């Protein structure tokens, strides 16, 4: 993901400090906050952008913790991302709607 080794160490500290169930609930909470921010109409586009960036950051931090909790390797995740992107590319080339 986007986190460096030092940031991943902090994520591991959070995993060790809180339990897995807490991290699961927190991940759902952060995903929910991101969804709310994405669908919220805003007149101030700069404020909306900053809020979305903050919620994406929170979500990425918790998703990194999920990768660590579930022991998902970078190789395994990269493989699934490639698969999903290839599938998306084929849908676009075929003019399909998701």
Foldseek 3Di string as FASTA:
>chain_A
DPDDPVLLVVLVVVCVVDDPVVLVVQLVVLVVQLVCLVPDDDPPPVVSVVSNVVSVVSNVSSVSSVCVVVVPDPVNVVVVVVVVVVVVVVCVVVVHDD
